[in-house]
Amino acid sequence: MSAAADHLEQLRAEARHHRQKRDLYRAKSYGMQATSETRLRELERIARLAQDRLAAAEATASAPAAPPGAPA
């Protein structure tokens, strides 16, 4: 696997991890355990940022490469 593919896989794993962590905390809030609305918002923010990083990396990876000598 190339370094770019490894990086994308790492970002996918991080995004999945943060979504799962947020979802578990949200489920916990429906139960009897005390939860914090602030903590839930923070987990949502972290999950959103991880998803944004993944989306940006995937967009970059799928963008066609500029031909040699083309202006950047």
PDB file of N, CA and C in Angstrom:
ATOM      1  N   MET A   1       0.846  -1.177   0.000  1.00  0.00           N
ATOM      2  CA  MET A   1       0.000   0.000   0.000  1.00  0.00           C
ATOM      3  C   MET A   1       0.892   1.240   0.000  1.00  0.00           C
ATOM      4  N   SER A   2       0.497   2.255  -0.735  1.00  0.00           N
ATOM      5  CA  SER A   2       1.295   3.477  -0.806  1.00  0.00           C
ATOM      6  C   SER A   2       1.102   4.326   0.442  1.00  0.00           C
ATOM      7  N   ALA A   3       1.968   5.294   0.596  1.00  0.00           N
ATOM      8  CA  ALA A   3       1.874   6.191   1.751  1.00  0.00           C
ATOM      9  C   ALA A   3       0.549   6.963   1.726  1.00  0.00           C
ATOM     10  N   ALA A   4       0.116   7.375   0.534  1.00  0.00           N
ATOM     11  CA  ALA A   4      -1.150   8.112   0.421  1.00  0.00           C
ATOM     12  C   ALA A   4      -2.330   7.223   0.818  1.00  0.00           C
ATOM     13  N   ALA A   5      -2.294   5.970   0.386  1.00  0.00           N
ATOM     14  CA  ALA A   5      -3.371   5.040   0.741  1.00  0.00           C
ATOM     15  C   ALA A   5      -3.352   4.753   2.241  1.00  0.00           C
ATOM     16  N   ASP A   6      -2.162   4.618   2.809  1.00  0.00           N
ATOM     17  CA  ASP A   6      -2.044   4.415   4.257  1.00  0.00           C
ATOM     18  C   ASP A   6      -2.617   5.605   5.017  1.00  0.00           C
ATOM     19  N   HIS A   7      -2.310   6.795   4.520  1.00  0.00           N
ATOM     20  CA  HIS A   7      -2.793   8.017   5.174  1.00  0.00           C
ATOM     21  C   HIS A   7      -4.326   8.082   5.107  1.00  0.00           C
ATOM     22  N   LEU A   8      -4.894   7.774   3.939  1.00  0.00           N
ATOM     23  CA  LEU A   8      -6.354   7.779   3.810  1.00  0.00           C
ATOM     24  C   LEU A   8      -6.989   6.746   4.737  1.00  0.00           C
ATOM     25  N   GLU A   9      -6.387   5.573   4.822  1.00  0.00           N
ATOM     26  CA  GLU A   9      -6.929   4.542   5.705  1.00  0.00           C
ATOM     27  C   GLU A   9      -6.873   4.994   7.165  1.00  0.00           C
ATOM     28  N   GLN A  10      -5.793   5.658   7.534  1.00  0.00           N
ATOM     29  CA  GLN A  10      -5.667   6.183   8.902  1.00  0.00           C
ATOM     30  C   GLN A  10      -6.749   7.233   9.182  1.00  0.00           C
ATOM     31  N   LEU A  11      -6.977   8.120   8.219  1.00  0.00           N
ATOM     32  CA  LEU A  11      -8.018   9.139   8.388  1.00  0.00           C
ATOM     33  C   LEU A  11      -9.404   8.507   8.476  1.00  0.00           C
ATOM     34  N   ARG A  12      -9.648   7.462   7.683  1.00  0.00           N
ATOM     35  CA  ARG A  12     -10.934   6.757   7.761  1.00  0.00           C
ATOM     36  C   ARG A  12     -11.131   6.146   9.145  1.00  0.00           C
ATOM     37  N   ALA A  13     -10.078   5.527   9.658  1.00  0.00           N
ATOM     38  CA  ALA A  13     -10.155   4.903  10.980  1.00  0.00           C
ATOM     39  C   ALA A  13     -10.408   5.954  12.060  1.00  0.00           C
ATOM     40  N   GLU A  14      -9.732   7.087  11.959  1.00  0.00           N
ATOM     41  CA  GLU A  14      -9.928   8.156  12.942  1.00  0.00           C
ATOM     42  C   GLU A  14     -11.351   8.701  12.880  1.00  0.00           C
ATOM     43  N   ALA A  15     -11.861   8.931  11.665  1.00  0.00           N
ATOM     44  CA  ALA A  15     -13.223   9.450  11.516  1.00  0.00           C
ATOM     45  C   ALA A  15     -14.225   8.449  12.084  1.00  0.00           C
ATOM     46  N   ARG A  16     -14.043   7.163  11.789  1.00  0.00           N
ATOM     47  CA  ARG A  16     -14.926   6.118  12.308  1.00  0.00           C
ATOM     48  C   ARG A  16     -14.869   6.079  13.840  1.00  0.00           C
ATOM     49  N   HIS A  17     -13.661   6.146  14.386  1.00  0.00           N
ATOM     50  CA  HIS A  17     -13.481   6.119  15.838  1.00  0.00           C
ATOM     51  C   HIS A  17     -14.224   7.273  16.507  1.00  0.00           C
ATOM     52  N   HIS A  18     -14.074   8.474  15.964  1.00  0.00           N
ATOM     53  CA  HIS A  18     -14.711   9.644  16.572  1.00  0.00           C
ATOM     54  C   HIS A  18     -16.233   9.601  16.420  1.00  0.00           C
ATOM     55  N   ARG A  19     -16.725   9.078  15.289  1.00  0.00           N
ATOM     56  CA  ARG A  19     -18.181   8.919  15.139  1.00  0.00           C
ATOM     57  C   ARG A  19     -18.717   7.930  16.164  1.00  0.00           C
ATOM     58  N   GLN A  20     -18.015   6.815  16.323  1.00  0.00           N
ATOM     59  CA  GLN A  20     -18.463   5.803  17.282  1.00  0.00           C
ATOM     60  C   GLN A  20     -18.425   6.332  18.710  1.00  0.00           C
ATOM     61  N   LYS A  21     -17.391   7.064  19.040  1.00  0.00           N
ATOM     62  CA  LYS A  21     -17.277   7.631  20.386  1.00  0.00           C
ATOM     63  C   LYS A  21     -18.428   8.602  20.651  1.00  0.00           C
ATOM     64  N   ARG A  22     -18.732   9.453  19.649  1.00  0.00           N
ATOM     65  CA  ARG A  22     -19.852  10.394  19.772  1.00  0.00           C
ATOM     66  C   ARG A  22     -21.169   9.643  19.917  1.00  0.00           C
ATOM     67  N   ASP A  23     -21.370   8.620  19.088  1.00  0.00           N
ATOM     68  CA  ASP A  23     -22.624   7.865  19.126  1.00  0.00           C
ATOM     69  C   ASP A  23     -22.806   7.137  20.456  1.00  0.00           C
ATOM     70  N   LEU A  24     -21.724   6.585  20.999  1.00  0.00           N
ATOM     71  CA  LEU A  24     -21.810   5.915  22.291  1.00  0.00           C
ATOM     72  C   LEU A  24     -22.172   6.900  23.397  1.00  0.00           C
ATOM     73  N   TYR A  25     -21.571   8.082  23.345  1.00  0.00           N
ATOM     74  CA  TYR A  25     -21.873   9.088  24.363  1.00  0.00           C
ATOM     75  C   TYR A  25     -23.322   9.551  24.227  1.00  0.00           C
ATOM     76  N   ARG A  26     -23.783   9.708  22.989  1.00  0.00           N
ATOM     77  CA  ARG A  26     -25.174  10.118  22.767  1.00  0.00           C
ATOM     78  C   ARG A  26     -26.126   9.056  23.314  1.00  0.00           C
ATOM     79  N   ALA A  27     -25.824   7.788  23.064  1.00  0.00           N
ATOM     80  CA  ALA A  27     -26.660   6.703  23.588  1.00  0.00           C
ATOM     81  C   ALA A  27     -26.644   6.703  25.112  1.00  0.00           C
ATOM     82  N   LYS A  28     -25.481   6.968  25.680  1.00  0.00           N
ATOM     83  CA  LYS A  28     -25.350   7.030  27.134  1.00  0.00           C
ATOM     84  C   LYS A  28     -26.241   8.129  27.709  1.00  0.00           C
ATOM     85  N   SER A  29     -26.416   9.208  26.964  1.00  0.00           N
ATOM     86  CA  SER A  29     -27.225  10.321  27.455  1.00  0.00           C
ATOM     87  C   SER A  29     -28.706   9.962  27.569  1.00  0.00           C
ATOM     88  N   TYR A  30     -29.131   8.916  26.859  1.00  0.00           N
ATOM     89  CA  TYR A  30     -30.529   8.484  26.948  1.00  0.00           C
ATOM     90  C   TYR A  30     -30.771   7.593  28.166  1.00  0.00           C
ATOM     91  N   GLY A  31     -29.706   7.132  28.785  1.00  0.00           N
ATOM     92  CA  GLY A  31     -29.828   6.242  29.935  1.00  0.00           C
ATOM     93  C   GLY A  31     -29.851   7.009  31.245  1.00  0.00           C
ATOM     94  N   MET A  32     -29.514   6.297  32.294  1.00  0.00           N
ATOM     95  CA  MET A  32     -29.560   6.858  33.640  1.00  0.00           C
ATOM     96  C   MET A  32     -28.267   7.559  34.036  1.00  0.00           C
ATOM     97  N   GLN A  33     -27.193   7.372  33.287  1.00  0.00           N
ATOM     98  CA  GLN A  33     -25.918   7.974  33.667  1.00  0.00           C
ATOM     99  C   GLN A  33     -25.914   9.473  33.367  1.00  0.00           C
ATOM    100  N   ALA A  34     -25.237  10.200  34.220  1.00  0.00           N
ATOM    101  CA  ALA A  34     -25.128  11.646  34.023  1.00  0.00           C
ATOM    102  C   ALA A  34     -24.213  11.921  32.822  1.00  0.00           C
ATOM    103  N   THR A  35     -24.644  12.813  31.970  1.00  0.00           N
ATOM    104  CA  THR A  35     -23.838  13.210  30.809  1.00  0.00           C
ATOM    105  C   THR A  35     -23.826  14.727  30.727  1.00  0.00           C
ATOM    106  N   SER A  36     -22.912  15.233  29.946  1.00  0.00           N
ATOM    107  CA  SER A  36     -22.760  16.667  29.789  1.00  0.00           C
ATOM    108  C   SER A  36     -23.085  17.074  28.354  1.00  0.00           C
ATOM    109  N   GLU A  37     -23.949  18.044  28.204  1.00  0.00           N
ATOM    110  CA  GLU A  37     -24.278  18.567  26.877  1.00  0.00           C
ATOM    111  C   GLU A  37     -23.027  19.173  26.232  1.00  0.00           C
ATOM    112  N   THR A  38     -22.200  19.781  27.058  1.00  0.00           N
ATOM    113  CA  THR A  38     -20.953  20.368  26.557  1.00  0.00           C
ATOM    114  C   THR A  38     -20.045  19.279  25.988  1.00  0.00           C
ATOM    115  N   ARG A  39     -19.928  18.163  26.699  1.00  0.00           N
ATOM    116  CA  ARG A  39     -19.087  17.058  26.229  1.00  0.00           C
ATOM    117  C   ARG A  39     -19.631  16.488  24.924  1.00  0.00           C
ATOM    118  N   LEU A  40     -20.941  16.355  24.804  1.00  0.00           N
ATOM    119  CA  LEU A  40     -21.539  15.854  23.577  1.00  0.00           C
ATOM    120  C   LEU A  40     -21.232  16.799  22.415  1.00  0.00           C
ATOM    121  N   ARG A  41     -21.362  18.090  22.630  1.00  0.00           N
ATOM    122  CA  ARG A  41     -21.044  19.060  21.574  1.00  0.00           C
ATOM    123  C   ARG A  41     -19.579  18.960  21.170  1.00  0.00           C
ATOM    124  N   GLU A  42     -18.694  18.761  22.149  1.00  0.00           N
ATOM    125  CA  GLU A  42     -17.274  18.631  21.858  1.00  0.00           C
ATOM    126  C   GLU A  42     -17.008  17.372  21.030  1.00  0.00           C
ATOM    127  N   LEU A  43     -17.642  16.268  21.397  1.00  0.00           N
ATOM    128  CA  LEU A  43     -17.477  15.032  20.622  1.00  0.00           C
ATOM    129  C   LEU A  43     -18.034  15.189  19.204  1.00  0.00           C
ATOM    130  N   GLU A  44     -19.128  15.901  19.064  1.00  0.00           N
ATOM    131  CA  GLU A  44     -19.690  16.169  17.735  1.00  0.00           C
ATOM    132  C   GLU A  44     -18.736  17.022  16.908  1.00  0.00           C
ATOM    133  N   ARG A  45     -18.125  18.018  17.540  1.00  0.00           N
ATOM    134  CA  ARG A  45     -17.163  18.876  16.841  1.00  0.00           C
ATOM    135  C   ARG A  45     -15.955  18.063  16.384  1.00  0.00           C
ATOM    136  N   ILE A  46     -15.431  17.223  17.263  1.00  0.00           N
ATOM    137  CA  ILE A  46     -14.267  16.402  16.939  1.00  0.00           C
ATOM    138  C   ILE A  46     -14.593  15.443  15.791  1.00  0.00           C
ATOM    139  N   ALA A  47     -15.775  14.827  15.843  1.00  0.00           N
ATOM    140  CA  ALA A  47     -16.186  13.902  14.781  1.00  0.00           C
ATOM    141  C   ALA A  47     -16.325  14.638  13.453  1.00  0.00           C
ATOM    142  N   ARG A  48     -16.894  15.841  13.500  1.00  0.00           N
ATOM    143  CA  ARG A  48     -17.067  16.635  12.274  1.00  0.00           C
ATOM    144  C   ARG A  48     -15.718  17.036  11.685  1.00  0.00           C
ATOM    145  N   LEU A  49     -14.778  17.438  12.538  1.00  0.00           N
ATOM    146  CA  LEU A  49     -13.443  17.811  12.048  1.00  0.00           C
ATOM    147  C   LEU A  49     -12.719  16.611  11.438  1.00  0.00           C
ATOM    148  N   ALA A  50     -12.853  15.447  12.054  1.00  0.00           N
ATOM    149  CA  ALA A  50     -12.221  14.238  11.506  1.00  0.00           C
ATOM    150  C   ALA A  50     -12.832  13.903  10.149  1.00  0.00           C
ATOM    151  N   GLN A  51     -14.147  14.041  10.030  1.00  0.00           N
ATOM    152  CA  GLN A  51     -14.800  13.775   8.744  1.00  0.00           C
ATOM    153  C   GLN A  51     -14.369  14.794   7.699  1.00  0.00           C
ATOM    154  N   ASP A  52     -14.210  16.050   8.089  1.00  0.00           N
ATOM    155  CA  ASP A  52     -13.746  17.081   7.160  1.00  0.00           C
ATOM    156  C   ASP A  52     -12.327  16.799   6.668  1.00  0.00           C
ATOM    157  N   ARG A  53     -11.447  16.353   7.584  1.00  0.00           N
ATOM    158  CA  ARG A  53     -10.080  16.000   7.180  1.00  0.00           C
ATOM    159  C   ARG A  53     -10.086  14.848   6.185  1.00  0.00           C
ATOM    160  N   LEU A  54     -10.928  13.862   6.439  1.00  0.00           N
ATOM    161  CA  LEU A  54     -11.034  12.719   5.530  1.00  0.00           C
ATOM    162  C   LEU A  54     -11.560  13.169   4.175  1.00  0.00           C
ATOM    163  N   ALA A  55     -12.600  13.976   4.158  1.00  0.00           N
ATOM    164  CA  ALA A  55     -13.176  14.442   2.899  1.00  0.00           C
ATOM    165  C   ALA A  55     -12.154  15.240   2.091  1.00  0.00           C
ATOM    166  N   ALA A  56     -11.390  16.090   2.756  1.00  0.00           N
ATOM    167  CA  ALA A  56     -10.371  16.885   2.060  1.00  0.00           C
ATOM    168  C   ALA A  56      -9.280  15.983   1.483  1.00  0.00           C
ATOM    169  N   ALA A  57      -8.854  14.996   2.248  1.00  0.00           N
ATOM    170  CA  ALA A  57      -7.813  14.084   1.766  1.00  0.00           C
ATOM    171  C   ALA A  57      -8.318  13.249   0.601  1.00  0.00           C
ATOM    172  N   GLU A  58      -9.573  12.791   0.663  1.00  0.00           N
ATOM    173  CA  GLU A  58     -10.135  12.006  -0.435  1.00  0.00           C
ATOM    174  C   GLU A  58     -10.284  12.857  -1.691  1.00  0.00           C
ATOM    175  N   ALA A  59     -10.672  14.116  -1.518  1.00  0.00           N
ATOM    176  CA  ALA A  59     -10.803  15.009  -2.672  1.00  0.00           C
ATOM    177  C   ALA A  59      -9.442  15.247  -3.314  1.00  0.00           C
ATOM    178  N   THR A  60      -8.429  15.414  -2.497  1.00  0.00           N
ATOM    179  CA  THR A  60      -7.073  15.624  -3.016  1.00  0.00           C
ATOM    180  C   THR A  60      -6.581  14.373  -3.731  1.00  0.00           C
ATOM    181  N   ALA A  61      -6.861  13.218  -3.150  1.00  0.00           N
ATOM    182  CA  ALA A  61      -6.404  11.959  -3.740  1.00  0.00           C
ATOM    183  C   ALA A  61      -7.096  11.671  -5.055  1.00  0.00           C
ATOM    184  N   SER A  62      -8.349  12.096  -5.202  1.00  0.00           N
ATOM    185  CA  SER A  62      -9.089  11.806  -6.430  1.00  0.00           C
ATOM    186  C   SER A  62      -8.922  12.883  -7.494  1.00  0.00           C
ATOM    187  N   ALA A  63      -8.305  14.011  -7.134  1.00  0.00           N
ATOM    188  CA  ALA A  63      -8.067  15.082  -8.101  1.00  0.00           C
ATOM    189  C   ALA A  63      -7.029  14.632  -9.111  1.00  0.00           C
ATOM    190  N   PRO A  64      -7.240  14.933 -10.377  1.00  0.00           N
ATOM    191  CA  PRO A  64      -6.249  14.543 -11.375  1.00  0.00           C
ATOM    192  C   PRO A  64      -4.937  15.303 -11.144  1.00  0.00           C
ATOM    193  N   ALA A  65      -3.852  14.622 -11.343  1.00  0.00           N
ATOM    194  CA  ALA A  65      -2.536  15.242 -11.155  1.00  0.00           C
ATOM    195  C   ALA A  65      -2.267  16.196 -12.307  1.00  0.00           C
ATOM    196  N   ALA A  66      -1.617  17.295 -11.987  1.00  0.00           N
ATOM    197  CA  ALA A  66      -1.264  18.271 -13.017  1.00  0.00           C
ATOM    198  C   ALA A  66      -0.152  17.688 -13.881  1.00  0.00           C
ATOM    199  N   PRO A  67      -0.206  17.933 -15.170  1.00  0.00           N
ATOM    200  CA  PRO A  67       0.862  17.433 -16.040  1.00  0.00           C
ATOM    201  C   PRO A  67       2.186  18.107 -15.693  1.00  0.00           C
ATOM    202  N   PRO A  68       3.293  17.425 -15.940  1.00  0.00           N
ATOM    203  CA  PRO A  68       4.597  18.019 -15.636  1.00  0.00           C
ATOM    204  C   PRO A  68       4.770  19.350 -16.363  1.00  0.00           C
ATOM    205  N   GLY A  69       5.284  20.319 -15.659  1.00  0.00           N
ATOM    206  CA  GLY A  69       5.528  21.630 -16.238  1.00  0.00           C
ATOM    207  C   GLY A  69       4.326  22.557 -16.215  1.00  0.00           C
ATOM    208  N   ALA A  70       3.190  22.078 -15.768  1.00  0.00           N
ATOM    209  CA  ALA A  70       1.991  22.918 -15.701  1.00  0.00           C
ATOM    210  C   ALA A  70       2.111  23.833 -14.485  1.00  0.00           C
ATOM    211  N   PRO A  71       1.606  25.071 -14.604  1.00  0.00           N
ATOM    212  CA  PRO A  71       1.651  25.979 -13.438  1.00  0.00           C
ATOM    213  C   PRO A  71       0.784  25.435 -12.316  1.00  0.00           C
ATOM    214  N   ALA A  72       1.223  25.669 -11.093  1.00  0.00           N
ATOM    215  CA  ALA A  72       0.504  25.159  -9.926  1.00  0.00           C
ATOM    216  C   ALA A  72      -0.627  26.051  -9.540  1.00  0.00           C
TER     217      ALA A  72
END
